[in-house]
Amino acid sequence: TGEIGTCDEGDLHWVDNDKILDRELWEGDRLFWDWILNEKGLFS
Protein backbone atom coordinates (compact mmCIF):
# COMPACT_ATOMS: atom_id res chain seq x y z
CA THR A 1 0.00 0.00 0.00
CA GLY A 2 1.29 3.44 -0.90
CA GLU A 3 3.60 4.92 -3.50
CA ILE A 4 7.26 4.00 -3.79
CA GLY A 5 9.28 6.96 -2.55
CA THR A 6 12.96 7.77 -2.35
CA CYS A 7 15.62 6.22 -0.16
CA ASP A 8 18.50 7.99 1.58
CA GLU A 9 20.72 4.89 1.23
CA GLY A 10 20.61 4.71 -2.58
CA ASP A 11 18.43 4.88 -5.65
CA LEU A 12 15.37 2.66 -6.05
CA HIS A 13 14.82 1.10 -9.49
CA TRP A 14 12.37 -1.36 -10.99
CA VAL A 15 14.57 -3.95 -12.71
CA ASP A 16 13.26 -6.48 -15.24
CA ASN A 17 13.60 -9.91 -13.63
CA ASP A 18 15.61 -11.20 -16.59
CA LYS A 19 18.08 -8.29 -16.15
CA ILE A 20 18.77 -8.68 -12.43
CA LEU A 21 21.92 -10.74 -12.99
CA ASP A 22 23.28 -7.92 -15.22
CA ARG A 23 23.57 -5.69 -12.12
CA GLU A 24 26.47 -5.51 -9.68
CA LEU A 25 25.40 -8.09 -7.10
CA TRP A 26 27.09 -10.02 -4.34
CA GLU A 27 28.13 -13.40 -5.79
CA GLY A 28 25.88 -15.21 -3.32
CA ASP A 29 22.94 -13.08 -4.41
CA ARG A 30 23.47 -14.40 -7.94
CA LEU A 31 22.98 -17.90 -6.54
CA PHE A 32 19.84 -17.16 -4.57
CA TRP A 33 18.28 -15.24 -7.47
CA ASP A 34 18.37 -18.46 -9.47
CA TRP A 35 16.66 -20.24 -6.59
CA ILE A 36 13.99 -17.55 -6.24
CA LEU A 37 13.25 -17.11 -9.94
CA ASN A 38 13.12 -20.88 -10.52
CA GLU A 39 11.00 -21.57 -7.39
CA LYS A 40 13.52 -24.01 -5.87
CA GLY A 41 11.86 -23.68 -2.46
CA LEU A 42 12.76 -22.37 0.96
CA PHE A 43 16.53 -22.30 1.36
CA SER A 44 19.20 -21.89 3.99
All heavy atoms as atom14 arrays in JSON, in Angstrom:
{
  "sequence": "TGEIGTCDEGDLHWVDNDKILDRELWEGDRLFWDWILNEKGLFS",
  "atom14_mask": [
    [1, 1, 1, 1, 1, 1, 1, 0, 0, 0, 0, 0, 0, 0],
    [1, 1, 1, 1, 0, 0, 0, 0, 0, 0, 0, 0, 0, 0],
    [1, 1, 1, 1, 1, 1, 1, 1, 1, 0, 0, 0, 0, 0],
    [1, 1, 1, 1, 1, 1, 1, 1, 0, 0, 0, 0, 0, 0],
    [1, 1, 1, 1, 0, 0, 0, 0, 0, 0, 0, 0, 0, 0],
    [1, 1, 1, 1, 1, 1, 1, 0, 0, 0, 0, 0, 0, 0],
    [1, 1, 1, 1, 1, 1, 0, 0, 0, 0, 0, 0, 0, 0],
    [1, 1, 1, 1, 1, 1, 1, 1, 0, 0, 0, 0, 0, 0],
    [1, 1, 1, 1, 1, 1, 1, 1, 1, 0, 0, 0, 0, 0],
    [1, 1, 1, 1, 0, 0, 0, 0, 0, 0, 0, 0, 0, 0],
    [1, 1, 1, 1, 1, 1, 1, 1, 0, 0, 0, 0, 0, 0],
    [1, 1, 1, 1, 1, 1, 1, 1, 0, 0, 0, 0, 0, 0],
    [1, 1, 1, 1, 1, 1, 1, 1, 1, 1, 0, 0, 0, 0],
    [1, 1, 1, 1, 1, 1, 1, 1, 1, 1, 1, 1, 1, 1],
    [1, 1, 1, 1, 1, 1, 1, 0, 0, 0, 0, 0, 0, 0],
    [1, 1, 1, 1, 1, 1, 1, 1, 0, 0, 0, 0, 0, 0],
    [1, 1, 1, 1, 1, 1, 1, 1, 0, 0, 0, 0, 0, 0],
    [1, 1, 1, 1, 1, 1, 1, 1, 0, 0, 0, 0, 0, 0],
    [1, 1, 1, 1, 1, 1, 1, 1, 1, 0, 0, 0, 0, 0],
    [1, 1, 1, 1, 1, 1, 1, 1, 0, 0, 0, 0, 0, 0],
    [1, 1, 1, 1, 1, 1, 1, 1, 0, 0, 0, 0, 0, 0],
    [1, 1, 1, 1, 1, 1, 1, 1, 0, 0, 0, 0, 0, 0],
    [1, 1, 1, 1, 1, 1, 1, 1, 1, 1, 1, 0, 0, 0],
    [1, 1, 1, 1, 1, 1, 1, 1, 1, 0, 0, 0, 0, 0],
    [1, 1, 1, 1, 1, 1, 1, 1, 0, 0, 0, 0, 0, 0],
    [1, 1, 1, 1, 1, 1, 1, 1, 1, 1, 1, 1, 1, 1],
    [1, 1, 1, 1, 1, 1, 1, 1, 1, 0, 0, 0, 0, 0],
    [1, 1, 1, 1, 0, 0, 0, 0, 0, 0, 0, 0, 0, 0],
    [1, 1, 1, 1, 1, 1, 1, 1, 0, 0, 0, 0, 0, 0],
    [1, 1, 1, 1, 1, 1, 1, 1, 1, 1, 1, 0, 0, 0],
    [1, 1, 1, 1, 1, 1, 1, 1, 0, 0, 0, 0, 0, 0],
    [1, 1, 1, 1, 1, 1, 1, 1, 1, 1, 1, 0, 0, 0],
    [1, 1, 1, 1, 1, 1, 1, 1, 1, 1, 1, 1, 1, 1],
    [1, 1, 1, 1, 1, 1, 1, 1, 0, 0, 0, 0, 0, 0],
    [1, 1, 1, 1, 1, 1, 1, 1, 1, 1, 1, 1, 1, 1],
    [1, 1, 1, 1, 1, 1, 1, 1, 0, 0, 0, 0, 0, 0],
    [1, 1, 1, 1, 1, 1, 1, 1, 0, 0, 0, 0, 0, 0],
    [1, 1, 1, 1, 1, 1, 1, 1, 0, 0, 0, 0, 0, 0],
    [1, 1, 1, 1, 1, 1, 1, 1, 1, 0, 0, 0, 0, 0],
    [1, 1, 1, 1, 1, 1, 1, 1, 1, 0, 0, 0, 0, 0],
    [1, 1, 1, 1, 0, 0, 0, 0, 0, 0, 0, 0, 0, 0],
    [1, 1, 1, 1, 1, 1, 1, 1, 0, 0, 0, 0, 0, 0],
    [1, 1, 1, 1, 1, 1, 1, 1, 1, 1, 1, 0, 0, 0],
    [1, 1, 1, 1, 1, 1, 0, 0, 0, 0, 0, 0, 0, 0]
  ],
  "atom14_positions": [
    [[0.85, -1.18, 0.0], [0.0, 0.0, 0.0], [0.89, 1.23, 0.0], [1.86, 1.3, 0.76], [-0.9, 0.02, 1.25], [-1.67, -1.17, 1.29], [-1.82, 1.23, 1.24], [0.0, 0.0, 0.0], [0.0, 0.0, 0.0], [0.0, 0.0, 0.0], [0.0, 0.0, 0.0], [0.0, 0.0, 0.0], [0.0, 0.0, 0.0], [0.0, 0.0, 0.0]],
    [[0.54, 2.2, -0.84], [1.29, 3.44, -0.9], [2.07, 3.56, -2.2], [2.0, 2.68, -3.07], [0.0, 0.0, 0.0], [0.0, 0.0, 0.0], [0.0, 0.0, 0.0], [0.0, 0.0, 0.0], [0.0, 0.0, 0.0], [0.0, 0.0, 0.0], [0.0, 0.0, 0.0], [0.0, 0.0, 0.0], [0.0, 0.0, 0.0], [0.0, 0.0, 0.0]],
    [[2.79, 4.64, -2.32], [3.6, 4.92, -3.5], [5.07, 4.79, -3.13], [5.5, 5.3, -2.09], [3.32, 6.34, -4.02], [1.91, 6.56, -4.52], [1.59, 5.72, -5.75], [2.47, 5.58, -6.63], [0.47, 5.2, -5.83], [0.0, 0.0, 0.0], [0.0, 0.0, 0.0], [0.0, 0.0, 0.0], [0.0, 0.0, 0.0], [0.0, 0.0, 0.0]],
    [[5.83, 4.14, -4.01], [7.26, 4.0, -3.79], [7.89, 5.4, -3.76], [7.66, 6.21, -4.66], [7.92, 3.15, -4.9], [7.3, 1.75, -4.98], [9.44, 3.09, -4.72], [7.57, 0.84, -3.81], [0.0, 0.0, 0.0], [0.0, 0.0, 0.0], [0.0, 0.0, 0.0], [0.0, 0.0, 0.0], [0.0, 0.0, 0.0], [0.0, 0.0, 0.0]],
    [[8.65, 5.65, -2.71], [9.28, 6.96, -2.55], [10.76, 6.93, -2.88], [11.19, 6.17, -3.75], [0.0, 0.0, 0.0], [0.0, 0.0, 0.0], [0.0, 0.0, 0.0], [0.0, 0.0, 0.0], [0.0, 0.0, 0.0], [0.0, 0.0, 0.0], [0.0, 0.0, 0.0], [0.0, 0.0, 0.0], [0.0, 0.0, 0.0], [0.0, 0.0, 0.0]],
    [[11.51, 7.73, -2.17], [12.96, 7.77, -2.35], [13.62, 7.2, -1.1], [13.01, 7.13, -0.03], [13.46, 9.21, -2.58], [13.1, 10.01, -1.46], [12.87, 9.79, -3.85], [0.0, 0.0, 0.0], [0.0, 0.0, 0.0], [0.0, 0.0, 0.0], [0.0, 0.0, 0.0], [0.0, 0.0, 0.0], [0.0, 0.0, 0.0], [0.0, 0.0, 0.0]],
    [[14.88, 6.83, -1.25], [15.62, 6.22, -0.16], [16.92, 6.98, 0.05], [17.62, 7.29, -0.92], [15.9, 4.75, -0.5], [16.8, 3.87, 0.8], [0.0, 0.0, 0.0], [0.0, 0.0, 0.0], [0.0, 0.0, 0.0], [0.0, 0.0, 0.0], [0.0, 0.0, 0.0], [0.0, 0.0, 0.0], [0.0, 0.0, 0.0], [0.0, 0.0, 0.0]],
    [[17.27, 7.25, 1.32], [18.5, 7.99, 1.58], [19.74, 7.1, 1.53], [20.86, 7.59, 1.69], [18.42, 8.75, 2.91], [18.23, 7.85, 4.11], [18.21, 6.62, 3.96], [18.1, 8.39, 5.23], [0.0, 0.0, 0.0], [0.0, 0.0, 0.0], [0.0, 0.0, 0.0], [0.0, 0.0, 0.0], [0.0, 0.0, 0.0], [0.0, 0.0, 0.0]],
    [[19.58, 5.8, 1.3], [20.72, 4.89, 1.23], [21.14, 4.6, -0.21], [22.19, 3.99, -0.44], [20.4, 3.59, 1.96], [20.18, 3.81, 3.44], [19.87, 2.55, 4.2], [20.0, 1.45, 3.63], [19.49, 2.66, 5.37], [0.0, 0.0, 0.0], [0.0, 0.0, 0.0], [0.0, 0.0, 0.0], [0.0, 0.0, 0.0], [0.0, 0.0, 0.0]],
    [[20.31, 4.96, -1.17], [20.61, 4.71, -2.58], [19.4, 5.01, -3.43], [18.4, 5.55, -2.96], [0.0, 0.0, 0.0], [0.0, 0.0, 0.0], [0.0, 0.0, 0.0], [0.0, 0.0, 0.0], [0.0, 0.0, 0.0], [0.0, 0.0, 0.0], [0.0, 0.0, 0.0], [0.0, 0.0, 0.0], [0.0, 0.0, 0.0], [0.0, 0.0, 0.0]],
    [[19.5, 4.63, -4.69], [18.43, 4.88, -5.65], [17.6, 3.62, -5.84], [18.15, 2.53, -6.03], [19.01, 5.33, -6.99], [19.76, 6.65, -6.88], [19.29, 7.54, -6.14], [20.81, 6.78, -7.54], [0.0, 0.0, 0.0], [0.0, 0.0, 0.0], [0.0, 0.0, 0.0], [0.0, 0.0, 0.0], [0.0, 0.0, 0.0], [0.0, 0.0, 0.0]],
    [[16.28, 3.77, -5.82], [15.37, 2.66, -6.05], [15.04, 2.57, -7.54], [14.76, 3.58, -8.18], [14.07, 2.86, -5.25], [14.23, 2.86, -3.74], [12.93, 3.3, -3.06], [14.67, 1.5, -3.25], [0.0, 0.0, 0.0], [0.0, 0.0, 0.0], [0.0, 0.0, 0.0], [0.0, 0.0, 0.0], [0.0, 0.0, 0.0], [0.0, 0.0, 0.0]],
    [[15.1, 1.34, -8.07], [14.82, 1.1, -9.49], [14.0, -0.17, -9.64], [14.28, -1.17, -8.97], [16.13, 0.9, -10.28], [17.03, 2.07, -10.3], [16.92, 3.08, -11.22], [18.07, 2.4, -9.5], [17.86, 3.98, -10.99], [18.57, 3.59, -9.96], [0.0, 0.0, 0.0], [0.0, 0.0, 0.0], [0.0, 0.0, 0.0], [0.0, 0.0, 0.0]],
    [[13.05, -0.14, -10.56], [12.37, -1.36, -10.99], [13.24, -2.01, -12.06], [13.53, -1.39, -13.08], [10.98, -1.06, -11.54], [10.0, -0.68, -10.46], [9.58, 0.58, -10.15], [9.33, -1.57, -9.57], [8.68, 0.52, -9.11], [8.51, -0.78, -8.73], [9.35, -2.95, -9.39], [7.72, -1.33, -7.73], [8.55, -3.5, -8.39], [7.75, -2.7, -7.58]],
    [[13.67, -3.24, -11.81], [14.57, -3.95, -12.71], [13.81, -5.15, -13.29], [13.2, -5.92, -12.54], [15.83, -4.43, -11.96], [16.75, -5.23, -12.88], [16.58, -3.24, -11.34], [0.0, 0.0, 0.0], [0.0, 0.0, 0.0], [0.0, 0.0, 0.0], [0.0, 0.0, 0.0], [0.0, 0.0, 0.0], [0.0, 0.0, 0.0], [0.0, 0.0, 0.0]],
    [[13.85, -5.3, -14.62], [13.26, -6.48, -15.24], [13.9, -7.73, -14.63], [15.13, -7.79, -14.49], [13.51, -6.49, -16.76], [12.72, -5.43, -17.49], [11.61, -5.08, -17.04], [13.23, -4.94, -18.51], [0.0, 0.0, 0.0], [0.0, 0.0, 0.0], [0.0, 0.0, 0.0], [0.0, 0.0, 0.0], [0.0, 0.0, 0.0], [0.0, 0.0, 0.0]],
    [[13.07, -8.71, -14.27], [13.6, -9.91, -13.63], [14.7, -10.58, -14.45], [15.67, -11.1, -13.87], [12.48, -10.9, -13.32], [11.6, -10.43, -12.19], [11.96, -9.53, -11.43], [10.43, -11.02, -12.07], [0.0, 0.0, 0.0], [0.0, 0.0, 0.0], [0.0, 0.0, 0.0], [0.0, 0.0, 0.0], [0.0, 0.0, 0.0], [0.0, 0.0, 0.0]],
    [[14.58, -10.55, -15.76], [15.61, -11.2, -16.59], [16.87, -10.34, -16.74], [17.83, -10.76, -17.38], [15.05, -11.6, -17.95], [14.6, -10.42, -18.8], [14.57, -9.26, -18.3], [14.28, -10.64, -19.97], [0.0, 0.0, 0.0], [0.0, 0.0, 0.0], [0.0, 0.0, 0.0], [0.0, 0.0, 0.0], [0.0, 0.0, 0.0], [0.0, 0.0, 0.0]],
    [[16.91, -9.17, -16.11], [18.08, -8.29, -16.15], [18.77, -8.16, -14.78], [19.79, -7.48, -14.67], [17.7, -6.89, -16.64], [17.05, -6.85, -18.0], [18.05, -7.13, -19.08], [17.39, -6.94, -20.44], [18.01, -7.73, -21.47], [0.0, 0.0, 0.0], [0.0, 0.0, 0.0], [0.0, 0.0, 0.0], [0.0, 0.0, 0.0], [0.0, 0.0, 0.0]],
    [[18.21, -8.8, -13.76], [18.77, -8.68, -12.43], [20.23, -9.11, -12.39], [21.08, -8.44, -11.8], [17.93, -9.47, -11.4], [16.57, -8.79, -11.21], [18.67, -9.6, -10.06], [15.58, -9.56, -10.4], [0.0, 0.0, 0.0], [0.0, 0.0, 0.0], [0.0, 0.0, 0.0], [0.0, 0.0, 0.0], [0.0, 0.0, 0.0], [0.0, 0.0, 0.0]],
    [[20.55, -10.22, -13.04], [21.92, -10.74, -12.99], [22.9, -9.87, -13.76], [24.12, -10.06, -13.64], [21.96, -12.18, -13.5], [21.16, -13.18, -12.65], [21.26, -14.57, -13.25], [21.61, -13.17, -11.2], [0.0, 0.0, 0.0], [0.0, 0.0, 0.0], [0.0, 0.0, 0.0], [0.0, 0.0, 0.0], [0.0, 0.0, 0.0], [0.0, 0.0, 0.0]],
    [[22.41, -8.87, -14.52], [23.28, -7.92, -15.22], [23.79, -6.82, -14.28], [24.68, -6.06, -14.65], [22.56, -7.26, -16.39], [22.17, -8.25, -17.47], [22.76, -9.34, -17.52], [21.27, -7.93, -18.26], [0.0, 0.0, 0.0], [0.0, 0.0, 0.0], [0.0, 0.0, 0.0], [0.0, 0.0, 0.0], [0.0, 0.0, 0.0], [0.0, 0.0, 0.0]],
    [[23.21, -6.73, -13.09], [23.57, -5.69, -12.12], [24.77, -6.14, -11.29], [25.13, -7.31, -11.26], [22.39, -5.39, -11.19], [21.11, -5.03, -11.91], [21.24, -3.73, -12.64], [20.06, -3.47, -13.45], [19.72, -2.29, -13.87], [20.43, -1.24, -13.58], [18.65, -2.15, -14.62], [0.0, 0.0, 0.0], [0.0, 0.0, 0.0], [0.0, 0.0, 0.0]],
    [[25.36, -5.19, -10.58], [26.47, -5.51, -9.68], [25.89, -6.06, -8.38], [25.37, -5.31, -7.55], [27.34, -4.27, -9.4], [28.56, -4.59, -8.58], [29.48, -3.4, -8.38], [29.41, -2.43, -9.14], [30.28, -3.46, -7.42], [0.0, 0.0, 0.0], [0.0, 0.0, 0.0], [0.0, 0.0, 0.0], [0.0, 0.0, 0.0], [0.0, 0.0, 0.0]],
    [[25.96, -7.38, -8.25], [25.4, -8.09, -7.1], [26.52, -8.77, -6.32], [27.58, -9.06, -6.86], [24.44, -9.2, -7.57], [23.3, -8.84, -8.51], [22.61, -10.11, -8.98], [22.32, -7.91, -7.84], [0.0, 0.0, 0.0], [0.0, 0.0, 0.0], [0.0, 0.0, 0.0], [0.0, 0.0, 0.0], [0.0, 0.0, 0.0], [0.0, 0.0, 0.0]],
    [[26.23, -9.09, -5.07], [27.09, -10.02, -4.34], [27.02, -11.35, -5.07], [25.96, -11.73, -5.6], [26.6, -10.2, -2.9], [26.86, -9.02, -2.02], [25.96, -8.04, -1.67], [28.09, -8.68, -1.39], [26.57, -7.13, -0.86], [27.88, -7.49, -0.65], [29.35, -9.28, -1.35], [28.88, -6.89, 0.1], [30.35, -8.67, -0.6], [30.1, -7.49, 0.11]],
    [[28.12, -12.11, -5.1], [28.13, -13.4, -5.79], [27.07, -14.36, -5.22], [26.43, -15.09, -5.97], [29.52, -14.04, -5.7], [30.57, -13.35, -6.52], [31.92, -14.04, -6.4], [32.03, -15.22, -6.8], [32.85, -13.39, -5.9], [0.0, 0.0, 0.0], [0.0, 0.0, 0.0], [0.0, 0.0, 0.0], [0.0, 0.0, 0.0], [0.0, 0.0, 0.0]],
    [[26.9, -14.36, -3.92], [25.88, -15.21, -3.32], [24.48, -14.83, -3.73], [23.61, -15.69, -3.89], [0.0, 0.0, 0.0], [0.0, 0.0, 0.0], [0.0, 0.0, 0.0], [0.0, 0.0, 0.0], [0.0, 0.0, 0.0], [0.0, 0.0, 0.0], [0.0, 0.0, 0.0], [0.0, 0.0, 0.0], [0.0, 0.0, 0.0], [0.0, 0.0, 0.0]],
    [[24.24, -13.53, -3.94], [22.94, -13.08, -4.41], [22.64, -13.64, -5.8], [21.5, -13.97, -6.11], [22.87, -11.55, -4.46], [22.86, -10.91, -3.08], [23.24, -11.58, -2.1], [22.5, -9.72, -2.99], [0.0, 0.0, 0.0], [0.0, 0.0, 0.0], [0.0, 0.0, 0.0], [0.0, 0.0, 0.0], [0.0, 0.0, 0.0], [0.0, 0.0, 0.0]],
    [[23.65, -13.78, -6.62], [23.47, -14.4, -7.94], [22.95, -15.83, -7.79], [22.1, -16.26, -8.56], [24.77, -14.4, -8.73], [25.22, -13.05, -9.13], [26.5, -13.08, -9.99], [26.9, -11.72, -10.27], [26.3, -10.91, -11.12], [25.27, -11.34, -11.8], [26.72, -9.68, -11.3], [0.0, 0.0, 0.0], [0.0, 0.0, 0.0], [0.0, 0.0, 0.0]],
    [[23.45, -16.54, -6.78], [22.98, -17.9, -6.54], [21.52, -17.9, -6.09], [20.69, -18.62, -6.63], [23.87, -18.6, -5.52], [25.33, -18.79, -5.91], [26.12, -19.38, -4.74], [25.46, -19.67, -7.14], [0.0, 0.0, 0.0], [0.0, 0.0, 0.0], [0.0, 0.0, 0.0], [0.0, 0.0, 0.0], [0.0, 0.0, 0.0], [0.0, 0.0, 0.0]],
    [[21.21, -17.08, -5.08], [19.84, -17.16, -4.57], [18.82, -16.59, -5.54], [17.65, -16.98, -5.5], [19.68, -16.65, -3.13], [19.67, -15.17, -2.89], [18.68, -14.35, -3.41], [20.61, -14.61, -2.03], [18.65, -12.99, -3.13], [20.59, -13.25, -1.74], [19.61, -12.45, -2.3], [0.0, 0.0, 0.0], [0.0, 0.0, 0.0], [0.0, 0.0, 0.0]],
    [[19.24, -15.7, -6.46], [18.28, -15.24, -7.47], [17.84, -16.39, -8.37], [16.68, -16.48, -8.74], [18.83, -14.07, -8.28], [18.42, -12.79, -7.63], [19.21, -11.9, -6.98], [17.09, -12.3, -7.51], [18.45, -10.89, -6.46], [17.15, -11.11, -6.78], [15.85, -12.75, -7.95], [16.02, -10.36, -6.47], [14.72, -12.0, -7.65], [14.82, -10.83, -6.92]],
    [[18.75, -17.28, -8.7], [18.37, -18.46, -9.47], [17.35, -19.28, -8.69], [16.35, -19.73, -9.25], [19.61, -19.3, -9.79], [19.24, -20.59, -10.5], [18.69, -20.53, -11.61], [19.5, -21.67, -9.92], [0.0, 0.0, 0.0], [0.0, 0.0, 0.0], [0.0, 0.0, 0.0], [0.0, 0.0, 0.0], [0.0, 0.0, 0.0], [0.0, 0.0, 0.0]],
    [[17.57, -19.44, -7.42], [16.66, -20.24, -6.59], [15.29, -19.58, -6.5], [14.27, -20.26, -6.56], [17.25, -20.44, -5.2], [18.64, -20.99, -5.2], [19.23, -21.76, -6.17], [19.63, -20.8, -4.18], [20.53, -22.06, -5.8], [20.8, -21.49, -4.6], [19.64, -20.13, -2.98], [21.95, -21.52, -3.84], [20.8, -20.15, -2.21], [21.94, -20.85, -2.64]],
    [[15.26, -18.27, -6.34], [13.99, -17.55, -6.24], [13.24, -17.58, -7.57], [12.07, -17.94, -7.63], [14.22, -16.1, -5.77], [14.63, -16.09, -4.29], [12.97, -15.25, -5.99], [15.06, -14.72, -3.77], [0.0, 0.0, 0.0], [0.0, 0.0, 0.0], [0.0, 0.0, 0.0], [0.0, 0.0, 0.0], [0.0, 0.0, 0.0], [0.0, 0.0, 0.0]],
    [[13.92, -17.2, -8.64], [13.25, -17.11, -9.94], [12.8, -18.47, -10.46], [11.82, -18.55, -11.2], [14.16, -16.42, -10.95], [14.44, -14.94, -10.66], [15.49, -14.39, -11.62], [13.18, -14.11, -10.71], [0.0, 0.0, 0.0], [0.0, 0.0, 0.0], [0.0, 0.0, 0.0], [0.0, 0.0, 0.0], [0.0, 0.0, 0.0], [0.0, 0.0, 0.0]],
    [[13.48, -19.53, -10.07], [13.12, -20.88, -10.52], [12.36, -21.67, -9.46], [12.23, -22.89, -9.59], [14.37, -21.63, -10.98], [14.91, -21.04, -12.25], [14.23, -20.98, -13.27], [16.16, -20.57, -12.21], [0.0, 0.0, 0.0], [0.0, 0.0, 0.0], [0.0, 0.0, 0.0], [0.0, 0.0, 0.0], [0.0, 0.0, 0.0], [0.0, 0.0, 0.0]],
    [[11.85, -20.96, -8.42], [11.0, -21.57, -7.39], [11.6, -22.86, -6.83], [10.92, -23.89, -6.74], [9.6, -21.83, -7.95], [8.82, -20.59, -8.31], [8.39, -19.77, -7.1], [8.32, -20.3, -5.97], [8.14, -18.57, -7.29], [0.0, 0.0, 0.0], [0.0, 0.0, 0.0], [0.0, 0.0, 0.0], [0.0, 0.0, 0.0], [0.0, 0.0, 0.0]],
    [[12.85, -22.81, -6.41], [13.52, -24.01, -5.87], [13.1, -24.32, -4.44], [13.46, -25.36, -3.93], [15.04, -23.84, -5.96], [15.51, -23.67, -7.37], [16.59, -24.64, -7.69], [16.99, -24.48, -9.14], [18.2, -25.14, -9.46], [0.0, 0.0, 0.0], [0.0, 0.0, 0.0], [0.0, 0.0, 0.0], [0.0, 0.0, 0.0], [0.0, 0.0, 0.0]],
    [[12.35, -23.44, -3.81], [11.86, -23.68, -2.46], [12.6, -22.88, -1.41], [13.55, -22.15, -1.69], [0.0, 0.0, 0.0], [0.0, 0.0, 0.0], [0.0, 0.0, 0.0], [0.0, 0.0, 0.0], [0.0, 0.0, 0.0], [0.0, 0.0, 0.0], [0.0, 0.0, 0.0], [0.0, 0.0, 0.0], [0.0, 0.0, 0.0], [0.0, 0.0, 0.0]],
    [[12.14, -23.05, -0.18], [12.76, -22.37, 0.96], [14.2, -22.86, 1.1], [14.45, -24.06, 1.06], [11.96, -22.67, 2.23], [12.41, -21.96, 3.5], [12.17, -20.46, 3.4], [11.69, -22.54, 4.7], [0.0, 0.0, 0.0], [0.0, 0.0, 0.0], [0.0, 0.0, 0.0], [0.0, 0.0, 0.0], [0.0, 0.0, 0.0], [0.0, 0.0, 0.0]],
    [[15.12, -21.92, 1.28], [16.53, -22.3, 1.36], [17.2, -21.73, 2.6], [16.76, -20.74, 3.18], [17.29, -21.85, 0.1], [17.31, -20.35, -0.11], [18.27, -19.56, 0.48], [16.37, -19.74, -0.93], [18.29, -18.19, 0.28], [16.39, -18.38, -1.14], [17.34, -17.59, -0.53], [0.0, 0.0, 0.0], [0.0, 0.0, 0.0], [0.0, 0.0, 0.0]],
    [[18.27, -22.4, 3.0], [19.2, -21.89, 3.99], [20.57, -22.0, 3.36], [21.04, -23.08, 3.03], [19.13, -22.72, 5.28], [20.09, -22.23, 6.21], [0.0, 0.0, 0.0], [0.0, 0.0, 0.0], [0.0, 0.0, 0.0], [0.0, 0.0, 0.0], [0.0, 0.0, 0.0], [0.0, 0.0, 0.0], [0.0, 0.0, 0.0], [0.0, 0.0, 0.0]]
  ]
}
